[in-house]
Amino acid sequence: MKTSHIVAATVGTVAVAAVGYALYFDSKRRSDPEFRRKLKKERKRAQKQQKEEEQKKEAKTTATVEEVLASIKDEDFPTSMEAREKFCMEQLSAGEALFTRGPEGYEMAAVCFFKALKVYPAPAELVMVYQKTIPPEVFTLVMSMLSMDVQKKQEKYFTVFPPKEMNVKIGELPEGVTADGQKVVRRGLIAIKDFAAGETIYSETPIISGLEPALEGGEFCHYCMKQIVGEESKVPCSTCTKVVFCSETCEKSAATEFHTVLCTKDNEDASSPERALFDYSKDSNRKYPDMLAKFLAKMVHEETLNTGEEYNLFDHIERLRYLEIRPSEAEEKEIALLKAALGAKIPGIEEFINEERYLTLKGKLLYNAYGLSTSLDNERVVEPSPENNRSVHDGPLVGAGFYRVTSYMSHSCEPNTKVAFAEHDNKLSIVAARDVKAGDELHVGFIKNGTLTTEERRQALFQDYRFKCMCPMCETTD
């Protein structure tokens, strides 16, 4: 008999036997209680065994990932753009060579791909490339490494920030309970030493700041917001007439961080995308779109510096609270203007500035920005923009600043600190309004109390910041 016939006959016999067993199995399952109990027990045992296997596999992966992260913890990654590019390509090539060996090369391949991610300027894009080009087992390892690395970085953040010399720390504070009894916590700024009334607790410069649109190109510095006394003291931009600076230092700093990217260059081109963004801010009397453009340009600039700092600008702001904004025609136009102004100069920015990310960034400004009072003339009349900013100043506001540390301060209608601009520029100082003890939470006023009643204060705060004030003053007065 031919082999093919033998195989066919064998398969036929097995098939008949399998059908017969299936009928017997089904009959026993229906009629025999003991058989059903035994079957259920076996299923549970199998499920338990499968779960234990998965746990062992997960534990092994976790141990592998922890070993890898520990092994490269103190590794010096390249900092210059050229060196990073070379290192990245070397790691990608090594990873590809390793995974072609099969499973025995997967672990080391994942290490190479993870190292490439550490220096690649747009890691999210590289992850998408990995997902399509490397074996699933390697991709899973890389993502586990990335996830654990991000988690460790997040856990470490508040142990190193703010710097100790700022005399404050960020702590988690109780804020009631949910309907199902879960504790709600928030982050707040806490003093780590005693301060007498009138003492400066700390000072900080902003991540970014912006003048009220009506003041641009006039008497105030586009970079530090300081008032410029006398026409002869103004330092102009060499390629536009829209902004002025108080010094060559400010002009160079602005050019380095963001103005080279955003300059309207109206001396050369009257219809540039940068000019369109500037004109929109001016015509709509809204400074935050321009401030967000500055932030994005500065973020990219800092990435190119490769200073080796563990946390970048985006790391600092991603933990901050923000107001949720419903998209409108205004936001759609602002996104389009930003993409047009930045797209030709910052590769990938058009994909980065999607609707969700733009609304989140703008919401962070609306919740956390502080009004800047740097004018030497307290009688100056400035047309304010309709955008939120925290301020209790009696003097005119000339703009707003977005600060890393001070954004964590909570509101109180009877705050224990006050905001000061001692040098009449955008450098903000937090000064004790009364004696402050180590461990005290620091509060600042978001709005002017004046003669407002409790209900009026709460209404104003809810309208602008969407919370009901529960400070001692609101809780104890009508």
Protein backbone atom coordinates (compact mmCIF):
# COMPACT_ATOMS: atom_id res chain seq x y z
CA MET A 1 0.00 0.00 0.00
CA LYS A 2 1.26 3.43 -0.89
CA THR A 3 2.48 5.67 1.89
CA SER A 4 -0.08 8.25 0.94
CA HIS A 5 -2.85 5.67 1.33
CA ILE A 6 -1.52 4.55 4.71
CA VAL A 7 -1.44 8.14 5.87
CA ALA A 8 -4.94 8.75 4.54
CA ALA A 9 -6.29 5.60 6.21
CA THR A 10 -4.61 6.48 9.50
CA VAL A 11 -6.05 9.95 9.43
CA GLY A 12 -9.50 8.51 8.69
CA THR A 13 -9.23 6.10 11.64
CA VAL A 14 -8.13 8.88 13.97
CA ALA A 15 -10.99 11.07 12.80
CA VAL A 16 -13.56 8.33 13.47
CA ALA A 17 -12.04 7.68 16.90
CA ALA A 18 -12.09 11.40 17.71
CA VAL A 19 -15.78 11.67 16.80
CA GLY A 20 -16.55 8.63 18.91
CA TYR A 21 -14.70 10.07 21.92
CA ALA A 22 -16.46 13.41 21.50
CA LEU A 23 -19.86 11.68 21.64
CA TYR A 24 -18.79 9.68 24.73
CA PHE A 25 -17.38 12.86 26.39
CA ASP A 26 -20.59 14.79 25.76
CA SER A 27 -22.73 11.95 27.13
CA LYS A 28 -20.65 11.72 30.32
CA ARG A 29 -20.71 15.49 30.74
CA ARG A 30 -24.51 15.50 30.58
CA SER A 31 -25.30 12.42 32.72
CA ASP A 32 -22.49 11.92 35.25
CA PRO A 33 -22.31 14.52 38.12
CA GLU A 34 -18.99 13.15 39.34
CA PHE A 35 -17.55 13.46 35.85
CA ARG A 36 -18.75 17.10 35.71
CA ARG A 37 -17.13 17.88 39.08
CA LYS A 38 -13.90 16.26 37.96
CA LEU A 39 -13.98 18.20 34.70
CA LYS A 40 -14.60 21.48 36.52
CA LYS A 41 -11.72 20.75 38.88
CA GLU A 42 -9.41 20.01 35.97
CA ARG A 43 -10.42 23.25 34.27
CA LYS A 44 -9.67 25.21 37.41
CA ARG A 45 -6.31 23.46 37.73
CA ALA A 46 -5.50 24.27 34.12
CA GLN A 47 -6.54 27.90 34.55
CA LYS A 48 -4.46 28.17 37.72
CA GLN A 49 -1.47 26.62 35.98
CA GLN A 50 -1.87 28.98 33.02
CA LYS A 51 -2.10 31.97 35.37
CA GLU A 52 1.02 30.85 37.26
CA GLU A 53 2.89 30.45 33.97
CA GLU A 54 1.86 33.95 32.91
CA GLN A 55 2.92 35.36 36.29
CA LYS A 56 6.29 33.62 36.03
CA LYS A 57 6.74 34.97 32.51
CA GLU A 58 5.76 38.47 33.65
CA ALA A 59 8.10 38.27 36.66
CA LYS A 60 10.93 37.11 34.41
CA THR A 61 10.28 40.00 32.01
CA THR A 62 10.18 42.48 34.89
CA ALA A 63 13.43 41.13 36.32
CA THR A 64 15.06 41.33 32.88
CA VAL A 65 13.87 44.91 32.39
CA GLU A 66 15.07 45.96 35.86
CA GLU A 67 18.49 44.40 35.19
CA VAL A 68 18.75 46.24 31.86
CA LEU A 69 17.76 49.61 33.35
CA ALA A 70 20.22 49.11 36.22
CA SER A 71 23.01 48.21 33.79
CA ILE A 72 22.59 51.39 31.73
CA LYS A 73 21.68 53.70 34.61
CA ASP A 74 25.12 55.29 34.78
CA GLU A 75 25.90 54.97 31.09
CA ASP A 76 26.95 58.24 29.48
CA PHE A 77 24.75 58.81 26.45
CA PRO A 78 26.04 61.19 23.76
CA THR A 79 24.83 64.80 23.96
CA SER A 80 25.72 66.49 20.67
CA MET A 81 23.29 66.09 17.78
CA GLU A 82 25.90 64.41 15.55
CA ALA A 83 27.01 61.99 18.25
CA ARG A 84 23.41 61.11 19.14
CA GLU A 85 22.57 60.39 15.52
CA LYS A 86 25.64 58.16 15.13
CA PHE A 87 24.91 56.31 18.39
CA CYS A 88 21.26 55.83 17.43
CA MET A 89 22.14 54.30 14.05
CA GLU A 90 24.73 52.02 15.66
CA GLN A 91 22.17 50.72 18.16
CA LEU A 92 19.54 50.19 15.48
CA SER A 93 21.96 48.23 13.31
CA ALA A 94 23.12 46.12 16.27
CA GLY A 95 19.52 45.42 17.28
CA GLU A 96 18.57 44.29 13.79
CA ALA A 97 21.58 41.97 13.62
CA LEU A 98 20.74 40.46 17.01
CA PHE A 99 17.07 39.69 16.44
CA THR A 100 17.85 37.89 13.17
CA ARG A 101 19.61 35.22 15.29
CA GLY A 102 16.26 34.21 16.73
CA PRO A 103 14.94 34.12 20.32
CA GLU A 104 18.42 33.90 21.88
CA GLY A 105 19.18 37.37 20.51
CA TYR A 106 15.88 39.02 21.42
CA GLU A 107 16.90 40.33 24.85
CA MET A 108 20.07 42.06 23.68
CA ALA A 109 18.26 43.34 20.58
CA ALA A 110 15.66 44.98 22.85
CA VAL A 111 18.45 46.64 24.85
CA CYS A 112 19.88 48.15 21.64
CA PHE A 113 16.49 49.40 20.47
CA PHE A 114 15.80 50.90 23.90
CA LYS A 115 19.15 52.73 23.90
CA ALA A 116 18.32 54.14 20.46
CA LEU A 117 15.04 55.44 21.90
CA LYS A 118 16.91 57.22 24.70
CA VAL A 119 18.71 59.50 22.23
CA TYR A 120 16.22 59.73 19.35
CA PRO A 121 14.68 63.25 19.20
CA ALA A 122 11.15 61.96 18.47
CA PRO A 123 10.80 58.71 20.47
CA ALA A 124 7.06 58.32 19.76
CA GLU A 125 7.78 58.15 16.02
CA LEU A 126 10.51 55.55 16.54
CA VAL A 127 8.14 53.42 18.64
CA MET A 128 5.70 53.35 15.71
CA VAL A 129 8.55 52.24 13.43
CA TYR A 130 9.49 49.48 15.89
CA GLN A 131 5.89 48.27 16.02
CA LYS A 132 5.97 47.62 12.27
CA THR A 133 9.52 46.31 11.82
CA ILE A 134 10.77 44.29 14.79
CA PRO A 135 9.52 40.92 16.16
CA PRO A 136 6.59 41.20 18.60
CA GLU A 137 8.62 39.57 21.40
CA VAL A 138 11.35 42.21 21.03
CA PHE A 139 8.82 45.02 20.78
CA THR A 140 7.14 43.85 24.00
CA LEU A 141 10.49 43.92 25.81
CA VAL A 142 11.32 47.40 24.48
CA MET A 143 7.93 48.75 25.57
CA SER A 144 8.34 47.17 29.02
CA MET A 145 11.72 48.90 29.35
CA LEU A 146 10.24 52.19 28.22
CA SER A 147 7.25 51.89 30.56
CA MET A 148 9.40 51.08 33.61
CA ASP A 149 11.89 53.82 32.73
CA VAL A 150 9.09 56.40 32.50
CA GLN A 151 7.59 55.15 35.79
CA LYS A 152 10.92 55.41 37.62
CA LYS A 153 11.47 58.87 36.13
CA GLN A 154 8.03 60.00 37.30
CA GLU A 155 8.55 58.58 40.80
CA LYS A 156 11.88 60.37 41.07
CA TYR A 157 10.64 63.74 39.80
CA PHE A 158 9.32 65.20 43.04
CA THR A 159 12.39 64.01 44.97
CA VAL A 160 14.66 66.29 42.91
CA PHE A 161 12.21 69.07 41.97
CA PRO A 162 11.95 71.82 43.10
CA PRO A 163 15.65 72.30 43.92
CA LYS A 164 16.28 72.50 47.68
CA GLU A 165 17.62 76.05 47.39
CA MET A 166 14.07 77.20 46.56
CA ASN A 167 13.04 76.35 50.17
CA VAL A 168 9.89 74.51 49.11
CA LYS A 169 8.73 71.03 48.19
CA ILE A 170 5.71 69.66 46.36
CA GLY A 171 3.56 67.43 48.51
CA GLU A 172 0.33 65.48 48.21
CA LEU A 173 -2.46 66.96 50.30
CA PRO A 174 -5.96 65.62 51.12
CA GLU A 175 -8.88 67.11 49.20
CA GLY A 176 -11.90 65.17 50.47
CA VAL A 177 -13.30 61.82 49.33
CA THR A 178 -15.22 60.55 46.34
CA ALA A 179 -18.81 59.28 46.47
CA ASP A 180 -17.52 55.72 46.96
CA GLY A 181 -15.20 56.70 49.81
CA GLN A 182 -11.90 56.97 47.91
CA LYS A 183 -9.51 59.62 49.20
CA VAL A 184 -8.82 62.51 46.82
CA VAL A 185 -5.39 64.14 46.94
CA ARG A 186 -3.91 67.17 45.21
CA ARG A 187 -0.42 68.57 44.91
CA GLY A 188 0.55 71.72 46.75
CA LEU A 189 3.63 73.79 47.55
CA ILE A 190 4.99 73.40 51.09
CA ALA A 191 7.64 75.46 52.92
CA ILE A 192 10.62 73.44 54.19
CA LYS A 193 11.85 76.15 56.61
CA ASP A 194 10.46 79.03 58.67
CA PHE A 195 10.01 82.51 57.20
CA ALA A 196 9.09 85.78 58.87
CA ALA A 197 6.54 88.10 57.30
CA GLY A 198 8.17 90.09 54.49
CA GLU A 199 10.92 87.55 53.78
CA THR A 200 11.36 86.25 50.23
CA ILE A 201 10.80 82.49 50.16
CA TYR A 202 12.11 82.00 46.60
CA SER A 203 12.35 83.62 43.17
CA GLU A 204 12.09 82.10 39.70
CA THR A 205 12.12 83.12 36.06
CA PRO A 206 9.31 81.89 33.80
CA ILE A 207 9.33 79.04 31.33
CA ILE A 208 7.87 81.59 28.95
CA SER A 209 6.19 84.98 29.20
CA GLY A 210 4.32 87.36 26.92
CA LEU A 211 3.30 91.00 26.81
CA GLU A 212 -0.24 92.17 26.38
CA PRO A 213 -0.56 92.43 22.57
CA ALA A 214 -1.24 96.18 22.72
CA LEU A 215 2.17 96.76 24.35
CA GLU A 216 4.33 94.88 21.81
CA GLY A 217 6.87 97.08 20.05
CA GLY A 218 6.37 99.96 22.50
CA GLU A 219 7.95 100.61 25.90
CA PHE A 220 8.36 97.03 27.16
CA CYS A 221 11.00 94.39 26.49
CA HIS A 222 9.71 91.48 24.44
CA TYR A 223 11.90 89.06 26.44
CA CYS A 224 11.97 90.09 30.12
CA MET A 225 8.89 92.40 30.12
CA LYS A 226 10.86 95.24 31.74
CA GLN A 227 9.75 98.78 30.96
CA ILE A 228 12.27 100.61 28.77
CA VAL A 229 12.93 104.21 29.76
CA GLY A 230 13.80 106.41 26.79
CA GLU A 231 13.90 105.70 23.05
CA GLU A 232 17.70 105.56 23.11
CA SER A 233 17.56 102.55 25.45
CA LYS A 234 15.54 100.40 23.07
CA VAL A 235 17.31 97.58 21.25
CA PRO A 236 15.42 96.71 18.04
CA CYS A 237 15.22 93.37 16.27
CA SER A 238 17.42 93.44 13.15
CA THR A 239 14.78 91.87 10.92
CA CYS A 240 11.40 93.11 12.21
CA THR A 241 9.76 96.23 13.61
CA LYS A 242 7.23 94.45 15.81
CA VAL A 243 9.21 93.97 19.03
CA VAL A 244 11.86 95.78 21.06
CA PHE A 245 14.27 94.74 23.81
CA CYS A 246 15.75 96.46 26.86
CA SER A 247 19.27 95.17 26.21
CA GLU A 248 21.42 93.24 23.78
CA THR A 249 21.43 90.39 26.30
CA CYS A 250 17.64 90.07 26.10
CA GLU A 251 17.70 90.42 22.31
CA LYS A 252 20.23 87.58 21.99
CA SER A 253 18.41 85.37 24.51
CA ALA A 254 15.11 85.82 22.68
CA ALA A 255 16.73 85.14 19.29
CA THR A 256 18.36 81.97 20.62
CA GLU A 257 15.30 80.58 22.38
CA PHE A 258 12.39 81.48 20.08
CA HIS A 259 12.47 84.78 18.19
CA THR A 260 14.59 83.56 15.28
CA VAL A 261 11.82 81.04 14.60
CA LEU A 262 8.91 83.45 15.19
CA CYS A 263 10.28 86.76 13.90
CA THR A 264 7.80 88.34 11.45
CA LYS A 265 10.71 89.57 9.29
CA ASP A 266 8.44 92.37 8.08
CA ASN A 267 11.54 94.23 6.89
CA GLU A 268 11.76 91.50 4.23
CA ASP A 269 8.30 89.91 3.88
CA ALA A 270 5.01 91.56 4.84
CA SER A 271 2.90 88.39 4.43
CA SER A 272 4.81 85.64 6.24
CA PRO A 273 3.11 82.92 8.39
CA GLU A 274 4.92 84.42 11.39
CA ARG A 275 3.36 87.79 10.61
CA ALA A 276 -0.08 86.15 10.38
CA LEU A 277 0.33 84.68 13.90
CA PHE A 278 1.55 88.01 15.30
CA ASP A 279 -1.34 89.92 13.66
CA TYR A 280 -3.87 87.41 15.01
CA SER A 281 -2.61 87.93 18.57
CA LYS A 282 -2.72 91.69 18.11
CA ASP A 283 -6.15 91.83 16.44
CA SER A 284 -7.81 89.35 18.82
CA ASN A 285 -6.00 90.76 21.88
CA ARG A 286 -4.89 87.26 22.91
CA LYS A 287 -1.31 86.59 23.97
CA TYR A 288 -1.51 82.87 24.77
CA PRO A 289 -1.28 81.57 21.16
CA ASP A 290 1.98 83.52 20.76
CA MET A 291 3.21 82.29 24.15
CA LEU A 292 2.51 78.69 23.14
CA ALA A 293 4.46 79.24 19.92
CA LYS A 294 7.36 80.55 22.03
CA PHE A 295 7.08 77.54 24.33
CA LEU A 296 7.22 75.05 21.46
CA ALA A 297 10.19 76.82 19.85
CA LYS A 298 12.00 76.97 23.19
CA MET A 299 11.27 73.30 23.89
CA VAL A 300 12.86 72.30 20.57
CA HIS A 301 15.80 74.63 21.21
CA GLU A 302 16.48 73.04 24.61
CA GLU A 303 16.36 69.58 23.06
CA THR A 304 19.09 70.57 20.59
CA LEU A 305 21.31 71.80 23.44
CA ASN A 306 21.48 68.29 24.94
CA THR A 307 22.52 69.63 28.33
CA GLY A 308 22.09 66.20 29.89
CA GLU A 309 19.36 67.42 32.27
CA GLU A 310 17.05 64.60 33.22
CA TYR A 311 13.82 66.58 32.84
CA ASN A 312 12.94 68.81 29.91
CA LEU A 313 10.34 71.57 29.58
CA PHE A 314 7.59 69.14 28.67
CA ASP A 315 8.40 66.98 31.70
CA HIS A 316 7.91 70.02 33.91
CA ILE A 317 4.54 71.09 32.56
CA GLU A 318 2.91 67.70 31.95
CA ARG A 319 2.18 67.29 35.69
CA LEU A 320 0.41 70.64 36.01
CA ARG A 321 -3.33 71.04 36.26
CA TYR A 322 -5.19 72.51 33.33
CA LEU A 323 -8.60 73.79 32.33
CA GLU A 324 -10.50 71.62 29.90
CA ILE A 325 -11.36 73.61 26.80
CA ARG A 326 -14.00 72.81 24.24
CA PRO A 327 -12.63 73.38 20.75
CA SER A 328 -14.01 76.39 18.93
CA GLU A 329 -13.30 78.18 15.65
CA ALA A 330 -10.75 80.34 17.52
CA GLU A 331 -8.70 77.31 18.62
CA GLU A 332 -8.93 75.78 15.13
CA LYS A 333 -7.53 78.99 13.67
CA GLU A 334 -4.78 79.19 16.31
CA ILE A 335 -3.68 75.60 15.59
CA ALA A 336 -3.53 76.35 11.86
CA LEU A 337 -1.52 79.53 12.46
CA LEU A 338 0.96 77.73 14.75
CA LYS A 339 1.47 74.93 12.26
CA ALA A 340 2.07 77.42 9.46
CA ALA A 341 4.46 79.57 11.52
CA LEU A 342 6.51 76.68 12.92
CA GLY A 343 6.11 73.91 10.35
CA ALA A 344 8.84 74.95 7.92
CA LYS A 345 11.41 75.39 10.70
CA ILE A 346 10.62 72.57 13.12
CA PRO A 347 10.28 69.16 11.42
CA GLY A 348 7.44 67.07 12.81
CA ILE A 349 5.74 69.97 14.61
CA GLU A 350 2.62 69.70 12.43
CA GLU A 351 2.02 66.16 13.72
CA PHE A 352 2.88 67.20 17.28
CA ILE A 353 0.37 70.08 17.41
CA ASN A 354 -2.86 68.13 17.21
CA GLU A 355 -6.12 69.46 18.63
CA GLU A 356 -5.94 67.53 21.91
CA ARG A 357 -2.37 68.57 22.68
CA TYR A 358 -2.97 72.22 21.79
CA LEU A 359 -6.10 72.44 23.94
CA THR A 360 -4.23 70.83 26.86
CA LEU A 361 -1.31 73.25 26.56
CA LYS A 362 -3.60 76.25 26.32
CA GLY A 363 -5.58 74.92 29.29
CA LYS A 364 -2.37 74.80 31.33
CA LEU A 365 -1.70 78.46 30.57
CA LEU A 366 -5.27 79.44 31.42
CA TYR A 367 -5.05 77.69 34.79
CA ASN A 368 -1.46 78.43 35.83
CA ALA A 369 -0.23 81.71 34.27
CA TYR A 370 0.46 84.70 36.53
CA GLY A 371 -0.22 88.29 35.62
CA LEU A 372 2.97 90.38 35.33
CA SER A 373 3.05 93.81 36.97
CA THR A 374 6.33 95.36 35.83
CA SER A 375 5.24 98.87 34.87
CA LEU A 376 6.99 101.80 36.55
CA ASP A 377 3.77 103.79 36.14
CA ASN A 378 0.96 102.53 38.35
CA GLU A 379 -1.49 104.83 36.59
CA ARG A 380 -0.82 103.29 33.20
CA VAL A 381 -3.94 102.09 31.41
CA VAL A 382 -3.46 98.76 29.63
CA GLU A 383 -6.17 97.02 27.66
CA PRO A 384 -6.25 93.55 29.27
CA SER A 385 -6.74 90.42 27.21
CA PRO A 386 -9.75 88.24 28.13
CA GLU A 387 -7.48 85.32 29.10
CA ASN A 388 -7.19 84.08 32.71
CA ASN A 389 -4.17 84.90 34.83
CA ARG A 390 -3.61 84.72 38.56
CA SER A 391 -3.21 88.20 40.00
CA VAL A 392 -4.15 90.39 42.97
CA HIS A 393 -2.02 93.37 41.88
CA ASP A 394 -3.45 96.87 42.03
CA GLY A 395 -1.01 98.11 39.38
CA PRO A 396 -1.57 97.52 35.66
CA LEU A 397 -0.76 94.08 34.26
CA VAL A 398 1.54 94.19 31.25
CA GLY A 399 1.53 90.48 30.41
CA ALA A 400 1.65 86.96 31.84
CA GLY A 401 4.27 84.41 32.85
CA PHE A 402 4.20 80.62 33.10
CA TYR A 403 6.31 79.28 35.99
CA ARG A 404 7.58 75.79 36.84
CA VAL A 405 7.28 75.94 40.64
CA THR A 406 4.76 78.69 41.36
CA SER A 407 2.17 76.92 39.20
CA TYR A 408 1.80 74.39 42.05
CA MET A 409 0.54 77.02 44.47
CA SER A 410 -3.11 76.78 45.49
CA HIS A 411 -5.54 79.64 45.97
CA SER A 412 -6.70 81.15 49.23
CA CYS A 413 -8.82 84.26 49.69
CA GLU A 414 -6.57 85.01 52.69
CA PRO A 415 -3.17 83.83 51.37
CA ASN A 416 -0.01 83.52 53.45
CA THR A 417 2.20 84.73 50.56
CA LYS A 418 2.16 87.42 47.90
CA VAL A 419 3.67 87.69 44.44
CA ALA A 420 6.26 90.43 43.82
CA PHE A 421 8.29 91.58 40.80
CA ALA A 422 11.07 93.31 42.73
CA GLU A 423 13.25 94.00 39.69
CA HIS A 424 10.33 95.13 37.50
CA ASP A 425 10.88 92.24 35.07
CA ASN A 426 9.35 88.79 34.68
CA LYS A 427 11.35 87.29 37.55
CA LEU A 428 8.71 86.39 40.14
CA SER A 429 9.31 86.30 43.89
CA ILE A 430 7.11 84.67 46.51
CA VAL A 431 7.14 86.73 49.70
CA ALA A 432 5.70 85.69 53.07
CA ALA A 433 2.60 87.82 53.82
CA ARG A 434 2.73 86.63 57.43
CA ASP A 435 4.95 84.28 59.43
CA VAL A 436 5.28 80.89 57.72
CA LYS A 437 6.38 77.71 59.48
CA ALA A 438 8.16 74.74 57.93
CA GLY A 439 5.47 72.32 56.77
CA ASP A 440 2.91 75.04 56.01
CA GLU A 441 1.25 74.91 52.62
CA LEU A 442 1.84 78.12 50.66
CA HIS A 443 -1.16 79.88 49.16
CA VAL A 444 -1.54 82.81 46.81
CA GLY A 445 -4.57 84.77 45.65
CA PHE A 446 -5.81 83.99 42.16
CA ILE A 447 -8.22 86.96 42.14
CA LYS A 448 -8.59 90.31 43.89
CA ASN A 449 -10.91 90.01 46.88
CA GLY A 450 -11.66 93.70 47.30
CA THR A 451 -15.19 94.04 48.67
CA LEU A 452 -16.45 90.81 47.13
CA THR A 453 -18.73 88.64 49.24
CA THR A 454 -18.00 84.95 49.74
CA GLU A 455 -20.57 84.05 47.10
CA GLU A 456 -19.07 86.54 44.62
CA ARG A 457 -15.54 85.24 45.22
CA ARG A 458 -16.63 81.65 44.78
CA GLN A 459 -18.54 82.53 41.63
CA ALA A 460 -15.55 84.35 40.12
CA LEU A 461 -13.17 81.47 40.96
CA PHE A 462 -15.55 78.86 39.59
CA GLN A 463 -16.07 80.83 36.40
CA ASP A 464 -12.33 81.22 35.72
CA TYR A 465 -10.81 78.15 37.42
CA ARG A 466 -13.75 75.76 37.91
CA PHE A 467 -13.37 75.03 41.59
CA LYS A 468 -15.39 75.96 44.66
CA CYS A 469 -13.18 77.78 47.14
CA MET A 470 -13.11 76.06 50.53
CA CYS A 471 -10.46 78.27 52.16
CA PRO A 472 -10.95 79.25 55.85
CA MET A 473 -12.16 82.73 54.86
CA CYS A 474 -14.89 81.31 52.60
CA GLU A 475 -15.85 78.62 55.11
CA THR A 476 -16.24 80.98 58.06
CA THR A 477 -17.86 84.05 56.47
CA ASP A 478 -21.06 84.68 54.59
